[in-house]
């Protein structure tokens, strides 16, 4: 798993331009929101967006099919999962 160093915001944001998905701007906003300012999380959410943009939009926007509490729990849970499974020190993206 590749992660971003804390000081690599320009690289992290530039990486958002490397993939094509429908509704790119919505996905970008969702990725920034989901990362919560933590670049190590952004890499994982970026990989998820490449595979399943609809999942990222569900987590990163306000879904209408669940309560705000359930949505907040889901975001917190998946970010905790990402934090727990980081594979070591931050590295530049490959």
PDB file of N, CA and C in Angstrom:
ATOM      1  N   UNK A   1       0.847  -1.168   0.000  1.00  0.00           N
ATOM      2  CA  UNK A   1       0.000   0.000   0.000  1.00  0.00           C
ATOM      3  C   UNK A   1       0.891   1.228   0.000  1.00  0.00           C
ATOM      4  N   UNK A   2       0.621   2.164  -0.855  1.00  0.00           N
ATOM      5  CA  UNK A   2       1.386   3.394  -0.927  1.00  0.00           C
ATOM      6  C   UNK A   2       0.606   4.492  -0.240  1.00  0.00           C
ATOM      7  N   UNK A   3       1.311   5.299   0.534  1.00  0.00           N
ATOM      8  CA  UNK A   3       0.654   6.416   1.211  1.00  0.00           C
ATOM      9  C   UNK A   3       1.411   7.697   0.917  1.00  0.00           C
ATOM     10  N   UNK A   4       0.812   8.819   1.280  1.00  0.00           N
ATOM     11  CA  UNK A   4       1.434  10.120   1.099  1.00  0.00           C
ATOM     12  C   UNK A   4       2.035  10.582   2.417  1.00  0.00           C
ATOM     13  N   UNK A   5       3.198  11.198   2.341  1.00  0.00           N
ATOM     14  CA  UNK A   5       3.761  11.834   3.528  1.00  0.00           C
ATOM     15  C   UNK A   5       2.906  13.043   3.883  1.00  0.00           C
ATOM     16  N   UNK A   6       2.921  13.427   5.157  1.00  0.00           N
ATOM     17  CA  UNK A   6       2.080  14.533   5.612  1.00  0.00           C
ATOM     18  C   UNK A   6       2.340  15.839   4.867  1.00  0.00           C
ATOM     19  N   UNK A   7       3.538  16.046   4.371  1.00  0.00           N
ATOM     20  CA  UNK A   7       3.875  17.312   3.703  1.00  0.00           C
ATOM     21  C   UNK A   7       3.645  17.253   2.189  1.00  0.00           C
ATOM     22  N   UNK A   8       3.107  16.183   1.682  1.00  0.00           N
ATOM     23  CA  UNK A   8       2.964  15.990   0.241  1.00  0.00           C
ATOM     24  C   UNK A   8       1.587  16.339  -0.305  1.00  0.00           C
ATOM     25  N   UNK A   9       0.964  17.387   0.205  1.00  0.00           N
ATOM     26  CA  UNK A   9      -0.360  17.755  -0.276  1.00  0.00           C
ATOM     27  C   UNK A   9      -0.377  18.012  -1.783  1.00  0.00           C
ATOM     28  N   UNK A  10       0.583  18.752  -2.351  1.00  0.00           N
ATOM     29  CA  UNK A  10       0.523  18.946  -3.812  1.00  0.00           C
ATOM     30  C   UNK A  10       0.558  17.630  -4.587  1.00  0.00           C
ATOM     31  N   UNK A  11       1.398  16.684  -4.158  1.00  0.00           N
ATOM     32  CA  UNK A  11       1.453  15.388  -4.840  1.00  0.00           C
ATOM     33  C   UNK A  11       0.146  14.627  -4.690  1.00  0.00           C
ATOM     34  N   UNK A  12      -0.424  14.674  -3.492  1.00  0.00           N
ATOM     35  CA  UNK A  12      -1.683  13.965  -3.255  1.00  0.00           C
ATOM     36  C   UNK A  12      -2.790  14.534  -4.131  1.00  0.00           C
ATOM     37  N   UNK A  13      -2.892  15.851  -4.173  1.00  0.00           N
ATOM     38  CA  UNK A  13      -3.945  16.466  -4.980  1.00  0.00           C
ATOM     39  C   UNK A  13      -3.699  16.245  -6.471  1.00  0.00           C
ATOM     40  N   UNK A  14      -2.431  16.263  -6.905  1.00  0.00           N
ATOM     41  CA  UNK A  14      -2.125  16.002  -8.309  1.00  0.00           C
ATOM     42  C   UNK A  14      -2.525  14.583  -8.691  1.00  0.00           C
ATOM     43  N   UNK A  15      -2.393  13.657  -7.762  1.00  0.00           N
ATOM     44  CA  UNK A  15      -2.744  12.261  -8.038  1.00  0.00           C
ATOM     45  C   UNK A  15      -4.231  12.119  -8.333  1.00  0.00           C
ATOM     46  N   UNK A  16      -5.041  13.002  -7.787  1.00  0.00           N
ATOM     47  CA  UNK A  16      -6.474  12.947  -8.069  1.00  0.00           C
ATOM     48  C   UNK A  16      -6.769  13.118  -9.560  1.00  0.00           C
ATOM     49  N   UNK A  17      -5.847  13.711 -10.293  1.00  0.00           N
ATOM     50  CA  UNK A  17      -6.056  13.951 -11.721  1.00  0.00           C
ATOM     51  C   UNK A  17      -5.666  12.759 -12.590  1.00  0.00           C
ATOM     52  N   UNK A  18      -5.151  11.702 -11.993  1.00  0.00           N
ATOM     53  CA  UNK A  18      -4.613  10.594 -12.768  1.00  0.00           C
ATOM     54  C   UNK A  18      -5.644   9.539 -13.158  1.00  0.00           C
ATOM     55  N   UNK A  19      -6.875   9.714 -12.760  1.00  0.00           N
ATOM     56  CA  UNK A  19      -7.861   8.696 -13.085  1.00  0.00           C
ATOM     57  C   UNK A  19      -9.091   9.338 -13.703  1.00  0.00           C
ATOM     58  N   UNK A  20      -9.850   8.542 -14.394  1.00  0.00           N
ATOM     59  CA  UNK A  20     -11.072   9.010 -15.046  1.00  0.00           C
ATOM     60  C   UNK A  20     -12.267   8.288 -14.450  1.00  0.00           C
ATOM     61  N   UNK A  21     -13.185   9.028 -13.936  1.00  0.00           N
ATOM     62  CA  UNK A  21     -14.469   8.465 -13.497  1.00  0.00           C
ATOM     63  C   UNK A  21     -15.555   9.472 -13.853  1.00  0.00           C
ATOM     64  N   UNK A  22     -16.773   9.017 -13.997  1.00  0.00           N
ATOM     65  CA  UNK A  22     -17.851   9.976 -14.207  1.00  0.00           C
ATOM     66  C   UNK A  22     -17.952  10.890 -12.984  1.00  0.00           C
ATOM     67  N   UNK A  23     -18.346  12.111 -13.204  1.00  0.00           N
ATOM     68  CA  UNK A  23     -18.550  13.075 -12.125  1.00  0.00           C
ATOM     69  C   UNK A  23     -17.281  13.290 -11.298  1.00  0.00           C
ATOM     70  N   UNK A  24     -16.182  13.504 -11.988  1.00  0.00           N
ATOM     71  CA  UNK A  24     -14.873  13.635 -11.356  1.00  0.00           C
ATOM     72  C   UNK A  24     -14.859  14.664 -10.224  1.00  0.00           C
ATOM     73  N   UNK A  25     -15.476  15.830 -10.423  1.00  0.00           N
ATOM     74  CA  UNK A  25     -15.433  16.870  -9.381  1.00  0.00           C
ATOM     75  C   UNK A  25     -16.112  16.408  -8.094  1.00  0.00           C
ATOM     76  N   UNK A  26     -17.228  15.711  -8.218  1.00  0.00           N
ATOM     77  CA  UNK A  26     -17.900  15.173  -7.019  1.00  0.00           C
ATOM     78  C   UNK A  26     -16.992  14.186  -6.310  1.00  0.00           C
ATOM     79  N   UNK A  27     -16.331  13.326  -7.081  1.00  0.00           N
ATOM     80  CA  UNK A  27     -15.426  12.338  -6.492  1.00  0.00           C
ATOM     81  C   UNK A  27     -14.269  13.046  -5.796  1.00  0.00           C
ATOM     82  N   UNK A  28     -13.702  14.062  -6.418  1.00  0.00           N
ATOM     83  CA  UNK A  28     -12.597  14.803  -5.808  1.00  0.00           C
ATOM     84  C   UNK A  28     -13.023  15.406  -4.472  1.00  0.00           C
ATOM     85  N   UNK A  29     -14.177  16.058  -4.451  1.00  0.00           N
ATOM     86  CA  UNK A  29     -14.661  16.658  -3.193  1.00  0.00           C
ATOM     87  C   UNK A  29     -14.862  15.584  -2.134  1.00  0.00           C
ATOM     88  N   UNK A  30     -15.412  14.453  -2.544  1.00  0.00           N
ATOM     89  CA  UNK A  30     -15.638  13.370  -1.579  1.00  0.00           C
ATOM     90  C   UNK A  30     -14.314  12.840  -1.033  1.00  0.00           C
ATOM     91  N   UNK A  31     -13.301  12.692  -1.891  1.00  0.00           N
ATOM     92  CA  UNK A  31     -12.001  12.187  -1.440  1.00  0.00           C
ATOM     93  C   UNK A  31     -11.353  13.131  -0.435  1.00  0.00           C
ATOM     94  N   UNK A  32     -11.409  14.420  -0.723  1.00  0.00           N
ATOM     95  CA  UNK A  32     -10.813  15.392   0.201  1.00  0.00           C
ATOM     96  C   UNK A  32     -11.564  15.361   1.529  1.00  0.00           C
ATOM     97  N   UNK A  33     -12.879  15.298   1.466  1.00  0.00           N
ATOM     98  CA  UNK A  33     -13.674  15.256   2.693  1.00  0.00           C
ATOM     99  C   UNK A  33     -13.386  13.982   3.490  1.00  0.00           C
ATOM    100  N   UNK A  34     -13.355  12.850   2.820  1.00  0.00           N
ATOM    101  CA  UNK A  34     -13.136  11.583   3.509  1.00  0.00           C
ATOM    102  C   UNK A  34     -11.749  11.477   4.120  1.00  0.00           C
ATOM    103  N   UNK A  35     -10.766  12.088   3.478  1.00  0.00           N
ATOM    104  CA  UNK A  35      -9.408  12.004   4.015  1.00  0.00           C
ATOM    105  C   UNK A  35      -9.266  12.797   5.299  1.00  0.00           C
ATOM    106  N   UNK A  36     -10.178  13.725   5.553  1.00  0.00           N
ATOM    107  CA  UNK A  36     -10.146  14.488   6.795  1.00  0.00           C
ATOM    108  C   UNK A  36      -8.831  15.217   7.011  1.00  0.00           C
ATOM    109  N   UNK A  37      -8.178  15.620   5.930  1.00  0.00           N
ATOM    110  CA  UNK A  37      -6.901  16.299   6.048  1.00  0.00           C
ATOM    111  C   UNK A  37      -5.720  15.368   6.243  1.00  0.00           C
ATOM    112  N   UNK A  38      -5.953  14.078   6.260  1.00  0.00           N
ATOM    113  CA  UNK A  38      -4.877  13.093   6.447  1.00  0.00           C
ATOM    114  C   UNK A  38      -4.553  12.460   5.114  1.00  0.00           C
ATOM    115  N   UNK A  39      -3.369  12.764   4.619  1.00  0.00           N
ATOM    116  CA  UNK A  39      -2.990  12.308   3.285  1.00  0.00           C
ATOM    117  C   UNK A  39      -2.816  10.804   3.210  1.00  0.00           C
ATOM    118  N   UNK A  40      -2.451  10.175   4.321  1.00  0.00           N
ATOM    119  CA  UNK A  40      -2.325   8.714   4.292  1.00  0.00           C
ATOM    120  C   UNK A  40      -3.672   8.067   3.984  1.00  0.00           C
ATOM    121  N   UNK A  41      -4.747   8.671   4.437  1.00  0.00           N
ATOM    122  CA  UNK A  41      -6.075   8.148   4.099  1.00  0.00           C
ATOM    123  C   UNK A  41      -6.444   8.407   2.645  1.00  0.00           C
ATOM    124  N   UNK A  42      -6.021   9.557   2.122  1.00  0.00           N
ATOM    125  CA  UNK A  42      -6.438   9.922   0.768  1.00  0.00           C
ATOM    126  C   UNK A  42      -6.020   8.872  -0.248  1.00  0.00           C
ATOM    127  N   UNK A  43      -4.854   8.284  -0.089  1.00  0.00           N
ATOM    128  CA  UNK A  43      -4.396   7.277  -1.044  1.00  0.00           C
ATOM    129  C   UNK A  43      -5.353   6.086  -1.077  1.00  0.00           C
ATOM    130  N   UNK A  44      -5.799   5.640   0.095  1.00  0.00           N
ATOM    131  CA  UNK A  44      -6.729   4.507   0.121  1.00  0.00           C
ATOM    132  C   UNK A  44      -8.071   4.864  -0.506  1.00  0.00           C
ATOM    133  N   UNK A  45      -8.558   6.057  -0.209  1.00  0.00           N
ATOM    134  CA  UNK A  45      -9.824   6.472  -0.806  1.00  0.00           C
ATOM    135  C   UNK A  45      -9.673   6.647  -2.319  1.00  0.00           C
ATOM    136  N   UNK A  46      -8.503   7.105  -2.768  1.00  0.00           N
ATOM    137  CA  UNK A  46      -8.254   7.238  -4.200  1.00  0.00           C
ATOM    138  C   UNK A  46      -8.316   5.879  -4.889  1.00  0.00           C
ATOM    139  N   UNK A  47      -7.693   4.881  -4.276  1.00  0.00           N
ATOM    140  CA  UNK A  47      -7.742   3.532  -4.844  1.00  0.00           C
ATOM    141  C   UNK A  47      -9.172   3.017  -4.891  1.00  0.00           C
ATOM    142  N   UNK A  48      -9.943   3.300  -3.852  1.00  0.00           N
ATOM    143  CA  UNK A  48     -11.357   2.896  -3.842  1.00  0.00           C
ATOM    144  C   UNK A  48     -12.122   3.615  -4.944  1.00  0.00           C
ATOM    145  N   UNK A  49     -11.832   4.901  -5.156  1.00  0.00           N
ATOM    146  CA  UNK A  49     -12.528   5.667  -6.195  1.00  0.00           C
ATOM    147  C   UNK A  49     -12.236   5.107  -7.580  1.00  0.00           C
ATOM    148  N   UNK A  50     -11.013   4.638  -7.788  1.00  0.00           N
ATOM    149  CA  UNK A  50     -10.670   4.057  -9.087  1.00  0.00           C
ATOM    150  C   UNK A  50     -11.487   2.791  -9.342  1.00  0.00           C
ATOM    151  N   UNK A  51     -11.724   2.033  -8.289  1.00  0.00           N
ATOM    152  CA  UNK A  51     -12.448   0.768  -8.447  1.00  0.00           C
ATOM    153  C   UNK A  51     -13.961   0.946  -8.343  1.00  0.00           C
ATOM    154  N   UNK A  52     -14.402   1.783  -7.413  1.00  0.00           N
ATOM    155  CA  UNK A  52     -15.829   1.902  -7.113  1.00  0.00           C
ATOM    156  C   UNK A  52     -16.168   3.343  -6.726  1.00  0.00           C
ATOM    157  N   UNK A  53     -16.300   4.205  -7.712  1.00  0.00           N
ATOM    158  CA  UNK A  53     -16.586   5.613  -7.444  1.00  0.00           C
ATOM    159  C   UNK A  53     -17.907   5.783  -6.695  1.00  0.00           C
ATOM    160  N   UNK A  54     -18.889   4.924  -6.966  1.00  0.00           N
ATOM    161  CA  UNK A  54     -20.182   5.052  -6.294  1.00  0.00           C
ATOM    162  C   UNK A  54     -20.055   4.865  -4.787  1.00  0.00           C
ATOM    163  N   UNK A  55     -19.156   3.988  -4.350  1.00  0.00           N
ATOM    164  CA  UNK A  55     -18.930   3.780  -2.918  1.00  0.00           C
ATOM    165  C   UNK A  55     -18.340   5.034  -2.293  1.00  0.00           C
ATOM    166  N   UNK A  56     -17.369   5.629  -2.964  1.00  0.00           N
ATOM    167  CA  UNK A  56     -16.745   6.848  -2.447  1.00  0.00           C
ATOM    168  C   UNK A  56     -17.769   7.966  -2.360  1.00  0.00           C
ATOM    169  N   UNK A  57     -18.611   8.096  -3.367  1.00  0.00           N
ATOM    170  CA  UNK A  57     -19.646   9.133  -3.323  1.00  0.00           C
ATOM    171  C   UNK A  57     -20.634   8.866  -2.195  1.00  0.00           C
ATOM    172  N   UNK A  58     -20.963   7.604  -1.935  1.00  0.00           N
ATOM    173  CA  UNK A  58     -21.879   7.302  -0.840  1.00  0.00           C
ATOM    174  C   UNK A  58     -21.273   7.731   0.491  1.00  0.00           C
ATOM    175  N   UNK A  59     -20.015   7.368   0.720  1.00  0.00           N
ATOM    176  CA  UNK A  59     -19.360   7.741   1.968  1.00  0.00           C
ATOM    177  C   UNK A  59     -19.059   9.233   2.033  1.00  0.00           C
ATOM    178  N   UNK A  60     -18.677   9.842   0.906  1.00  0.00           N
ATOM    179  CA  UNK A  60     -18.186  11.215   0.920  1.00  0.00           C
ATOM    180  C   UNK A  60     -19.238  12.284   0.809  1.00  0.00           C
ATOM    181  N   UNK A  61     -20.438  11.906   0.432  1.00  0.00           N
ATOM    182  CA  UNK A  61     -21.525  12.873   0.348  1.00  0.00           C
ATOM    183  C   UNK A  61     -22.567  12.510   1.407  1.00  0.00           C
ATOM    184  N   UNK A  62     -23.636  13.241   1.419  1.00  0.00           N
ATOM    185  CA  UNK A  62     -24.699  12.969   2.383  1.00  0.00           C
ATOM    186  C   UNK A  62     -25.744  12.065   1.724  1.00  0.00           C
ATOM    187  N   UNK A  63     -25.711  10.771   2.016  1.00  0.00           N
ATOM    188  CA  UNK A  63     -26.695   9.882   1.386  1.00  0.00           C
ATOM    189  C   UNK A  63     -28.095  10.131   1.945  1.00  0.00           C
ATOM    190  N   UNK A  64     -29.082   9.886   1.120  1.00  0.00           N
ATOM    191  CA  UNK A  64     -30.456  10.110   1.548  1.00  0.00           C
ATOM    192  C   UNK A  64     -31.096   8.853   2.124  1.00  0.00           C
ATOM    193  N   UNK A  65     -30.410   7.711   2.003  1.00  0.00           N
ATOM    194  CA  UNK A  65     -31.030   6.454   2.429  1.00  0.00           C
ATOM    195  C   UNK A  65     -30.631   6.012   3.831  1.00  0.00           C
ATOM    196  N   UNK A  66     -29.884   6.826   4.563  1.00  0.00           N
ATOM    197  CA  UNK A  66     -29.512   6.489   5.935  1.00  0.00           C
ATOM    198  C   UNK A  66     -29.559   7.735   6.794  1.00  0.00           C
ATOM    199  N   UNK A  67     -29.609   7.528   8.085  1.00  0.00           N
ATOM    200  CA  UNK A  67     -29.608   8.664   8.996  1.00  0.00           C
ATOM    201  C   UNK A  67     -28.212   9.283   9.038  1.00  0.00           C
ATOM    202  N   UNK A  68     -28.110  10.555   9.416  1.00  0.00           N
ATOM    203  CA  UNK A  68     -26.787  11.183   9.531  1.00  0.00           C
ATOM    204  C   UNK A  68     -25.879  10.447  10.518  1.00  0.00           C
ATOM    205  N   UNK A  69     -26.457   9.880  11.563  1.00  0.00           N
ATOM    206  CA  UNK A  69     -25.660   9.160  12.558  1.00  0.00           C
ATOM    207  C   UNK A  69     -25.041   7.895  11.963  1.00  0.00           C
ATOM    208  N   UNK A  70     -25.832   7.143  11.191  1.00  0.00           N
ATOM    209  CA  UNK A  70     -25.325   5.925  10.565  1.00  0.00           C
ATOM    210  C   UNK A  70     -24.259   6.279   9.528  1.00  0.00           C
ATOM    211  N   UNK A  71     -24.491   7.334   8.772  1.00  0.00           N
ATOM    212  CA  UNK A  71     -23.508   7.760   7.778  1.00  0.00           C
ATOM    213  C   UNK A  71     -22.201   8.149   8.469  1.00  0.00           C
ATOM    214  N   UNK A  72     -22.267   8.951   9.528  1.00  0.00           N
ATOM    215  CA  UNK A  72     -21.061   9.368  10.261  1.00  0.00           C
ATOM    216  C   UNK A  72     -20.336   8.155  10.830  1.00  0.00           C
ATOM    217  N   UNK A  73     -21.083   7.193  11.349  1.00  0.00           N
ATOM    218  CA  UNK A  73     -20.475   5.971  11.873  1.00  0.00           C
ATOM    219  C   UNK A  73     -19.722   5.236  10.767  1.00  0.00           C
ATOM    220  N   UNK A  74     -20.335   5.119   9.592  1.00  0.00           N
ATOM    221  CA  UNK A  74     -19.692   4.424   8.473  1.00  0.00           C
ATOM    222  C   UNK A  74     -18.391   5.089   8.062  1.00  0.00           C
ATOM    223  N   UNK A  75     -18.394   6.420   7.982  1.00  0.00           N
ATOM    224  CA  UNK A  75     -17.182   7.146   7.616  1.00  0.00           C
ATOM    225  C   UNK A  75     -16.105   6.938   8.675  1.00  0.00           C
ATOM    226  N   UNK A  76     -16.470   7.093   9.945  1.00  0.00           N
ATOM    227  CA  UNK A  76     -15.499   6.895  11.031  1.00  0.00           C
ATOM    228  C   UNK A  76     -14.951   5.476  11.026  1.00  0.00           C
ATOM    229  N   UNK A  77     -15.819   4.501  10.806  1.00  0.00           N
ATOM    230  CA  UNK A  77     -15.396   3.104  10.845  1.00  0.00           C
ATOM    231  C   UNK A  77     -14.403   2.805   9.725  1.00  0.00           C
ATOM    232  N   UNK A  78     -14.720   3.241   8.508  1.00  0.00           N
ATOM    233  CA  UNK A  78     -13.834   2.918   7.396  1.00  0.00           C
ATOM    234  C   UNK A  78     -12.512   3.654   7.514  1.00  0.00           C
ATOM    235  N   UNK A  79     -12.520   4.886   8.031  1.00  0.00           N
ATOM    236  CA  UNK A  79     -11.254   5.591   8.239  1.00  0.00           C
ATOM    237  C   UNK A  79     -10.424   4.910   9.321  1.00  0.00           C
ATOM    238  N   UNK A  80     -11.052   4.413  10.371  1.00  0.00           N
ATOM    239  CA  UNK A  80     -10.320   3.669  11.407  1.00  0.00           C
ATOM    240  C   UNK A  80      -9.728   2.395  10.820  1.00  0.00           C
ATOM    241  N   UNK A  81     -10.481   1.748   9.939  1.00  0.00           N
ATOM    242  CA  UNK A  81      -9.981   0.544   9.271  1.00  0.00           C
ATOM    243  C   UNK A  81      -8.752   0.875   8.425  1.00  0.00           C
ATOM    244  N   UNK A  82      -8.836   1.965   7.674  1.00  0.00           N
ATOM    245  CA  UNK A  82      -7.706   2.399   6.855  1.00  0.00           C
ATOM    246  C   UNK A  82      -6.500   2.677   7.742  1.00  0.00           C
ATOM    247  N   UNK A  83      -6.707   3.421   8.829  1.00  0.00           N
ATOM    248  CA  UNK A  83      -5.603   3.755   9.738  1.00  0.00           C
ATOM    249  C   UNK A  83      -4.952   2.495  10.293  1.00  0.00           C
ATOM    250  N   UNK A  84      -5.749   1.518  10.635  1.00  0.00           N
ATOM    251  CA  UNK A  84      -5.246   0.283  11.242  1.00  0.00           C
ATOM    252  C   UNK A  84      -4.431  -0.545  10.249  1.00  0.00           C
ATOM    253  N   UNK A  85      -4.754  -0.450   8.967  1.00  0.00           N
ATOM    254  CA  UNK A  85      -4.136  -1.315   7.978  1.00  0.00           C
ATOM    255  C   UNK A  85      -3.083  -0.627   7.118  1.00  0.00           C
ATOM    256  N   UNK A  86      -2.639   0.534   7.535  1.00  0.00           N
ATOM    257  CA  UNK A  86      -1.540   1.158   6.799  1.00  0.00           C
ATOM    258  C   UNK A  86      -0.298   0.305   6.974  1.00  0.00           C
ATOM    259  N   UNK A  87       0.460   0.155   5.921  1.00  0.00           N
ATOM    260  CA  UNK A  87       1.587  -0.759   5.939  1.00  0.00           C
ATOM    261  C   UNK A  87       2.918  -0.150   6.278  1.00  0.00           C
ATOM    262  N   UNK A  88       3.040   0.779   7.075  1.00  0.00           N
ATOM    263  CA  UNK A  88       4.349   1.313   7.396  1.00  0.00           C
ATOM    264  C   UNK A  88       4.423   2.799   7.125  1.00  0.00           C
ATOM    265  N   UNK A  89       5.635   3.318   7.050  1.00  0.00           N
ATOM    266  CA  UNK A  89       5.810   4.769   6.912  1.00  0.00           C
ATOM    267  C   UNK A  89       5.279   5.293   5.589  1.00  0.00           C
ATOM    268  N   UNK A  90       4.951   6.560   5.609  1.00  0.00           N
ATOM    269  CA  UNK A  90       4.452   7.211   4.381  1.00  0.00           C
ATOM    270  C   UNK A  90       5.509   7.189   3.306  1.00  0.00           C
ATOM    271  N   UNK A  91       5.035   6.981   2.073  1.00  0.00           N
ATOM    272  CA  UNK A  91       5.919   6.946   0.915  1.00  0.00           C
ATOM    273  C   UNK A  91       5.271   7.762  -0.196  1.00  0.00           C
ATOM    274  N   UNK A  92       6.067   8.260  -1.114  1.00  0.00           N
ATOM    275  CA  UNK A  92       5.445   8.933  -2.251  1.00  0.00           C
ATOM    276  C   UNK A  92       4.684   7.928  -3.100  1.00  0.00           C
ATOM    277  N   UNK A  93       3.655   8.379  -3.822  1.00  0.00           N
ATOM    278  CA  UNK A  93       2.911   7.438  -4.665  1.00  0.00           C
ATOM    279  C   UNK A  93       3.808   6.862  -5.752  1.00  0.00           C
ATOM    280  N   UNK A  94       3.529   5.618  -6.107  1.00  0.00           N
ATOM    281  CA  UNK A  94       4.346   4.987  -7.159  1.00  0.00           C
ATOM    282  C   UNK A  94       3.717   5.167  -8.509  1.00  0.00           C
TER     283      UNK A  94
END
